[in-house]
Amino acid sequence: MAEPRLLHFGSAVVDFVYRLTRLPKPGDDIIASSFQVSPGGGYNMMVAARRSGLSTAYAGLIGDGMAGAVLDKAFREEGIDRLQPPLHGEDSGVCIVLVTDDAERTFVSRPGAECRLTSAALSSLATTGDDWFFTSGYTLAYPECRHEQARFIASLPAGSPFVFDPTGIVASIPPPILAQALSRADWLSCNRGEAEVIAGRGSCPEMAARLLEVHCPMAKGVVIRDGAEGAWLACRGEAPVFVPAFAVRTVDTNGAGDCHVGAFVAALATGLAPHQAVCYANAAAALSTECRGGATAPTRQQVDQFLKRAGRK
C-alpha cells in the first residue's frame, strides 16, 4: 500500500505582513515596526502537514508573476510538490496581514491565479486511494471557481478522505456551495466563530453535535478550535471531549489555525487516533505561535519532544 499523501486544492497566496502596536483607525497614519513578504494562505497548512511527516502536494494554481515566484521557491524549499503548471498572464493572490502587539492578526486579501482552478484540471490529476484531499473556505467564496471546486468535491470517491476548513470567510460562501462541501467532508475543522456561522450559537459541544447531525452527515468527526483554551473533538457516536491547549509565550498567532489543521491531518493520516491527533495539533499550533510569521510550524520531532516534556505523550 502506498504511503498517504495530502492533496491541497485550496488557495496559496503571498502575505505582506506588517507588525503594528494597534490597528489603524480611519484616516490614521501608522508606522509599522517590521515588514515581511512571505508565502501564506494554504501554504501554511501544507508546511505544517509536511513538517509533521505527511507527503504533501499542492493541486491548486500559482501565477507567473512576483507572488507566484515567491510561492514556487517556497514549495521547492519545503519539499511540497506542485501538480499544476503556472497560470500565464496572471499572478498569485496576495494578503495584507496586520499583526498587533497582542499577537492578533487581521487580513485583507486579493485573490489571483488560485481562483482560476477548474474541476477539469483537478480531475485530470493522477491520484490514489491513499490520498487525503483538503480545501478551505477561501476558494469556495471566490465567484470564479467556487462552482468548479464544488463539482470536484462532489466527484471525490467515497473512500477518499476529504477535510474541510471553512475559515473566517465562511459567511461569504453561498449556502448551496457550503452545504456541498460540508455534506462530503469526512472531517471538519473550524474555530468557534466559524462553527457559530454554520450551526448557530451554542456551547462548543452543542455546536459540534449540530454540525454532525445536520450539516456533515458523512463526517467521522468535527474539531472546533477554541483559541488559547484548546479544542473540542466530536467523533460520530461519541460524546464531545475537550482537549486543552498548552501554555506558551505567544508572540504571533498568524497561521496558528492553519498549523493546527495541517498537523491534525498529518497525525490522522499517519496513524494517530483522533484524540491523540488533536492533542498533537494543539501542541504544534502552540509552538507555532512562539515565532513570528505564518509558516512557523514545528517538525514532528519538535512536537513529540514538547509533548514528552509536557507529560502528554
Protein backbone atom coordinates (compact mmCIF):
# COMPACT_ATOMS: atom_id res chain seq x y z
CA MET A 1 0.00 0.00 0.00
CA ALA A 2 1.28 3.49 -0.89
CA GLU A 3 2.04 6.00 1.81
CA PRO A 4 -0.68 8.59 2.44
CA ARG A 5 -0.40 11.95 0.71
CA LEU A 6 -2.16 15.27 1.25
CA LEU A 7 -3.54 17.00 -1.86
CA HIS A 8 -4.37 20.61 -1.07
CA PHE A 9 -6.51 22.26 -3.74
CA GLY A 10 -7.31 25.49 -1.90
CA SER A 11 -5.52 28.81 -2.17
CA ALA A 12 -1.85 29.62 -1.63
CA VAL A 13 -1.02 33.32 -1.60
CA VAL A 14 1.75 35.71 -0.61
CA ASP A 15 1.46 37.64 2.65
CA PHE A 16 2.60 41.21 3.19
CA VAL A 17 3.00 41.19 6.96
CA TYR A 18 3.08 44.42 8.98
CA ARG A 19 3.64 44.46 12.76
CA LEU A 20 1.77 47.29 14.50
CA THR A 21 1.15 48.44 18.05
CA ARG A 22 -2.57 48.66 17.21
CA LEU A 23 -4.92 48.55 14.26
CA PRO A 24 -5.26 51.91 12.49
CA LYS A 25 -8.42 53.95 12.76
CA PRO A 26 -9.92 55.57 9.62
CA GLY A 27 -7.55 58.29 8.45
CA ASP A 28 -4.67 57.13 10.67
CA ASP A 29 -1.05 57.06 9.53
CA ILE A 30 0.82 54.36 11.45
CA ILE A 31 4.44 53.27 11.13
CA ALA A 32 5.00 49.51 11.26
CA SER A 33 7.76 48.13 13.47
CA SER A 34 8.57 45.45 10.87
CA PHE A 35 7.57 44.26 7.41
CA GLN A 36 7.92 40.88 5.75
CA VAL A 37 6.95 39.27 2.45
CA SER A 38 6.29 35.54 2.84
CA PRO A 39 4.21 32.72 1.37
CA GLY A 40 0.91 32.27 3.18
CA GLY A 41 -2.69 31.13 2.99
CA GLY A 42 -2.91 27.41 2.31
CA TYR A 43 0.88 27.24 2.16
CA ASN A 44 0.96 27.48 5.97
CA MET A 45 -1.29 24.43 6.31
CA MET A 46 0.79 22.45 3.82
CA VAL A 47 4.02 23.29 5.64
CA ALA A 48 2.53 22.04 8.91
CA ALA A 49 1.46 18.76 7.30
CA ARG A 50 4.81 18.27 5.54
CA ARG A 51 6.87 19.01 8.65
CA SER A 52 4.69 16.55 10.56
CA GLY A 53 5.75 13.78 8.21
CA LEU A 54 2.94 13.69 5.63
CA SER A 55 3.84 13.76 1.92
CA THR A 56 2.16 16.89 0.60
CA ALA A 57 1.32 18.27 -2.84
CA TYR A 58 -0.34 21.49 -3.99
CA ALA A 59 -3.04 20.82 -6.56
CA GLY A 60 -4.04 24.47 -6.93
CA LEU A 61 -2.72 27.17 -9.22
CA ILE A 62 0.01 29.75 -8.85
CA GLY A 63 0.66 32.67 -11.20
CA ASP A 64 3.67 33.67 -13.25
CA GLY A 65 4.43 36.97 -11.53
CA MET A 66 6.34 38.06 -8.42
CA ALA A 67 3.97 36.41 -5.96
CA GLY A 68 3.95 33.17 -7.95
CA ALA A 69 7.76 33.13 -7.96
CA VAL A 70 7.79 33.51 -4.16
CA LEU A 71 5.42 30.56 -3.81
CA ASP A 72 7.28 28.39 -6.31
CA LYS A 73 10.56 28.88 -4.44
CA ALA A 74 8.90 28.20 -1.08
CA PHE A 75 7.25 24.97 -2.29
CA ARG A 76 10.57 23.67 -3.61
CA GLU A 77 12.41 24.53 -0.39
CA GLU A 78 9.79 22.73 1.76
CA GLY A 79 9.64 19.64 -0.44
CA ILE A 80 5.99 20.23 -1.38
CA ASP A 81 5.16 19.03 -4.89
CA ARG A 82 3.27 21.26 -7.32
CA LEU A 83 0.84 19.37 -9.55
CA GLN A 84 -0.30 22.18 -11.87
CA PRO A 85 1.71 24.36 -14.31
CA PRO A 86 1.75 28.10 -13.54
CA LEU A 87 -1.07 30.19 -14.96
CA HIS A 88 0.38 32.52 -17.58
CA GLY A 89 -0.70 36.15 -17.63
CA GLU A 90 -1.87 36.38 -14.02
CA ASP A 91 -0.05 36.49 -10.68
CA SER A 92 -0.95 34.67 -7.48
CA GLY A 93 -3.11 36.36 -4.88
CA VAL A 94 -1.80 38.48 -2.04
CA CYS A 95 -2.90 39.19 1.52
CA ILE A 96 -2.12 42.15 3.78
CA VAL A 97 -1.60 40.82 7.30
CA LEU A 98 -1.69 43.25 10.23
CA VAL A 99 -0.23 41.72 13.40
CA THR A 100 -0.70 43.78 16.57
CA ASP A 101 1.20 43.67 19.84
CA ASP A 102 -1.47 41.45 21.43
CA ALA A 103 -0.48 38.79 18.82
CA GLU A 104 -3.82 39.05 16.98
CA ARG A 105 -3.92 39.26 13.18
CA THR A 106 -6.19 40.97 10.65
CA PHE A 107 -6.35 40.02 6.94
CA VAL A 108 -7.14 41.92 3.73
CA SER A 109 -6.99 39.58 0.72
CA ARG A 110 -6.93 39.96 -3.06
CA PRO A 111 -7.28 36.69 -5.00
CA GLY A 112 -5.28 35.88 -8.12
CA ALA A 113 -4.37 32.80 -10.15
CA GLU A 114 -5.56 30.44 -7.41
CA CYS A 115 -9.18 31.39 -8.12
CA ARG A 116 -8.92 30.19 -11.76
CA LEU A 117 -8.74 26.50 -10.89
CA THR A 118 -11.19 24.29 -12.79
CA SER A 119 -12.73 20.94 -11.90
CA ALA A 120 -11.35 19.56 -15.19
CA ALA A 121 -7.79 20.44 -14.14
CA LEU A 122 -8.33 18.76 -10.76
CA SER A 123 -9.98 15.68 -12.22
CA SER A 124 -7.04 15.18 -14.60
CA LEU A 125 -4.59 14.69 -11.72
CA ALA A 126 -3.19 11.25 -11.02
CA THR A 127 -4.47 10.30 -7.56
CA THR A 128 -4.58 7.14 -5.48
CA GLY A 129 -6.90 5.71 -2.84
CA ASP A 130 -4.37 6.70 -0.17
CA ASP A 131 -4.64 10.44 -0.93
CA TRP A 132 -6.22 12.85 1.55
CA PHE A 133 -7.95 15.86 -0.02
CA PHE A 134 -8.25 19.31 1.55
CA THR A 135 -9.61 22.73 0.72
CA SER A 136 -10.54 25.83 2.66
CA GLY A 137 -13.44 28.24 2.54
CA TYR A 138 -11.49 30.86 0.60
CA THR A 139 -11.70 29.18 -2.79
CA LEU A 140 -15.35 28.31 -2.14
CA ALA A 141 -16.03 32.02 -1.65
CA TYR A 142 -14.38 33.07 -4.92
CA PRO A 143 -17.07 33.50 -7.62
CA GLU A 144 -14.57 32.47 -10.30
CA CYS A 145 -14.01 28.94 -9.01
CA ARG A 146 -16.47 28.01 -6.26
CA HIS A 147 -18.76 26.03 -8.57
CA GLU A 148 -15.73 24.26 -10.08
CA GLN A 149 -14.46 23.27 -6.64
CA ALA A 150 -17.91 22.16 -5.52
CA ARG A 151 -18.14 19.89 -8.58
CA PHE A 152 -14.75 18.37 -7.82
CA ILE A 153 -15.63 17.81 -4.16
CA ALA A 154 -18.85 16.06 -5.18
CA SER A 155 -16.85 13.82 -7.55
CA LEU A 156 -14.40 12.57 -4.91
CA PRO A 157 -14.51 8.77 -4.48
CA ALA A 158 -16.38 7.65 -1.39
CA GLY A 159 -13.27 6.14 0.18
CA SER A 160 -11.06 9.22 -0.25
CA PRO A 161 -10.81 11.29 2.96
CA PHE A 162 -11.82 14.93 2.48
CA VAL A 163 -11.00 17.51 5.15
CA PHE A 164 -12.61 20.95 5.09
CA ASP A 165 -11.73 24.16 6.95
CA PRO A 166 -14.38 26.86 6.30
CA THR A 167 -12.08 29.69 7.56
CA GLY A 168 -13.15 33.16 8.61
CA ILE A 169 -14.68 33.87 5.21
CA VAL A 170 -17.38 31.21 5.75
CA ALA A 171 -20.22 33.76 5.82
CA SER A 172 -19.32 34.77 2.23
CA ILE A 173 -19.73 31.23 0.85
CA PRO A 174 -23.11 30.77 -0.88
CA PRO A 175 -25.19 28.37 1.25
CA PRO A 176 -25.61 25.72 -1.50
CA ILE A 177 -21.83 25.64 -2.11
CA LEU A 178 -21.09 25.45 1.61
CA ALA A 179 -23.65 22.68 2.02
CA GLN A 180 -21.98 20.63 -0.73
CA ALA A 181 -18.58 20.85 0.97
CA LEU A 182 -19.97 20.09 4.42
CA SER A 183 -22.06 17.16 3.21
CA ARG A 184 -18.98 15.48 1.69
CA ALA A 185 -16.49 16.26 4.49
CA ASP A 186 -15.01 13.32 6.38
CA TRP A 187 -13.52 15.77 8.86
CA LEU A 188 -14.43 19.38 9.57
CA SER A 189 -12.01 21.68 11.40
CA CYS A 190 -13.16 25.17 12.29
CA ASN A 191 -12.85 27.75 15.04
CA ARG A 192 -15.64 28.67 17.41
CA GLY A 193 -16.83 31.68 15.41
CA GLU A 194 -16.97 29.69 12.19
CA ALA A 195 -18.94 26.94 13.91
CA GLU A 196 -21.48 29.55 15.05
CA VAL A 197 -21.92 30.81 11.47
CA ILE A 198 -22.70 27.29 10.25
CA ALA A 199 -24.57 25.74 13.18
CA GLY A 200 -25.90 28.70 15.18
CA ARG A 201 -24.89 29.86 18.63
CA GLY A 202 -24.37 27.48 21.50
CA SER A 203 -21.68 25.79 23.52
CA CYS A 204 -18.96 24.01 21.58
CA PRO A 205 -20.44 20.56 22.39
CA GLU A 206 -23.87 21.74 21.24
CA MET A 207 -22.49 23.18 18.01
CA ALA A 208 -20.42 20.06 17.36
CA ALA A 209 -23.50 17.89 17.77
CA ARG A 210 -25.50 20.02 15.30
CA LEU A 211 -22.62 20.03 12.82
CA LEU A 212 -22.52 16.24 12.84
CA GLU A 213 -26.27 15.66 12.89
CA VAL A 214 -27.42 18.35 10.46
CA HIS A 215 -24.58 19.67 8.31
CA CYS A 216 -21.94 16.93 7.98
CA PRO A 217 -23.80 13.64 7.54
CA MET A 218 -20.72 11.76 6.24
CA ALA A 219 -18.23 13.16 8.74
CA LYS A 220 -16.33 10.90 11.07
CA GLY A 221 -15.75 13.86 13.33
CA VAL A 222 -15.60 17.59 13.92
CA VAL A 223 -12.88 19.68 15.54
CA ILE A 224 -13.79 23.10 16.97
CA ARG A 225 -10.69 25.15 17.79
CA ASP A 226 -11.31 27.41 20.79
CA GLY A 227 -8.29 29.70 20.65
CA ALA A 228 -5.87 29.64 23.55
CA GLU A 229 -8.22 27.36 25.52
CA GLY A 230 -7.75 24.29 23.33
CA ALA A 231 -10.07 22.36 21.01
CA TRP A 232 -13.21 20.25 21.13
CA LEU A 233 -13.32 16.91 19.36
CA ALA A 234 -16.64 15.30 18.48
CA CYS A 235 -16.49 11.87 16.82
CA ARG A 236 -19.65 10.31 15.47
CA GLY A 237 -21.37 8.17 18.07
CA GLU A 238 -19.24 9.53 20.92
CA ALA A 239 -19.66 12.38 23.40
CA PRO A 240 -17.61 15.52 22.57
CA VAL A 241 -14.36 15.81 24.52
CA PHE A 242 -12.26 18.86 25.32
CA VAL A 243 -8.53 18.70 24.58
CA PRO A 244 -6.75 21.51 26.49
CA ALA A 245 -4.16 23.77 24.89
CA PHE A 246 -0.57 24.26 26.02
CA ALA A 247 0.73 27.39 27.74
CA VAL A 248 3.48 29.04 25.70
CA ARG A 249 4.88 32.53 25.22
CA THR A 250 2.77 33.68 22.25
CA VAL A 251 4.16 36.42 20.00
CA ASP A 252 2.21 35.86 16.76
CA THR A 253 -1.00 33.88 16.10
CA ASN A 254 -0.81 34.34 12.32
CA GLY A 255 -1.04 30.88 10.77
CA ALA A 256 -1.82 29.07 14.04
CA GLY A 257 -5.16 27.78 12.76
CA ASP A 258 -3.56 26.58 9.52
CA CYS A 259 -0.84 24.87 11.54
CA HIS A 260 -3.46 23.14 13.70
CA VAL A 261 -5.35 21.77 10.69
CA GLY A 262 -2.20 20.64 8.87
CA ALA A 263 -0.77 18.93 11.94
CA PHE A 264 -4.13 17.28 12.70
CA VAL A 265 -4.46 15.86 9.18
CA ALA A 266 -0.86 14.61 9.22
CA ALA A 267 -1.35 12.96 12.59
CA LEU A 268 -4.57 11.24 11.47
CA ALA A 269 -3.17 10.16 8.11
CA THR A 270 -0.08 8.66 9.70
CA GLY A 271 -1.99 6.57 12.20
CA LEU A 272 -2.80 8.52 15.38
CA ALA A 273 -6.26 8.19 16.91
CA PRO A 274 -8.44 11.33 16.67
CA HIS A 275 -7.94 12.37 20.31
CA GLN A 276 -4.17 11.95 20.00
CA ALA A 277 -4.23 13.85 16.71
CA VAL A 278 -5.98 16.84 18.31
CA CYS A 279 -3.52 16.83 21.20
CA TYR A 280 -0.66 16.72 18.69
CA ALA A 281 -2.23 19.57 16.68
CA ASN A 282 -2.71 21.66 19.86
CA ALA A 283 0.99 21.28 20.61
CA ALA A 284 2.06 22.11 17.04
CA ALA A 285 -0.15 25.21 16.93
CA ALA A 286 1.11 26.39 20.33
CA LEU A 287 4.73 26.05 19.26
CA SER A 288 3.99 27.93 16.03
CA THR A 289 2.81 30.99 17.99
CA GLU A 290 6.20 31.34 19.69
CA CYS A 291 7.72 32.51 16.39
CA ARG A 292 6.88 35.44 14.15
CA GLY A 293 5.42 34.64 10.75
CA GLY A 294 2.76 32.40 9.25
CA ALA A 295 4.66 29.27 8.17
CA THR A 296 6.28 28.59 11.54
CA ALA A 297 5.03 25.04 12.09
CA PRO A 298 7.37 22.82 14.11
CA THR A 299 8.69 19.45 12.95
CA ARG A 300 7.24 16.17 14.17
CA GLN A 301 10.35 15.62 16.31
CA GLN A 302 9.93 19.02 17.95
CA VAL A 303 6.25 18.35 18.71
CA ASP A 304 6.98 14.86 20.07
CA GLN A 305 9.70 16.27 22.35
CA PHE A 306 7.37 19.05 23.52
CA LEU A 307 4.61 16.55 24.32
CA LYS A 308 7.05 14.35 26.19
CA ARG A 309 8.20 17.29 28.32
CA ALA A 310 4.57 18.21 28.97
CA GLY A 311 3.80 14.66 30.06
CA ARG A 312 1.14 14.18 27.38
CA LYS A 313 2.81 11.62 25.16
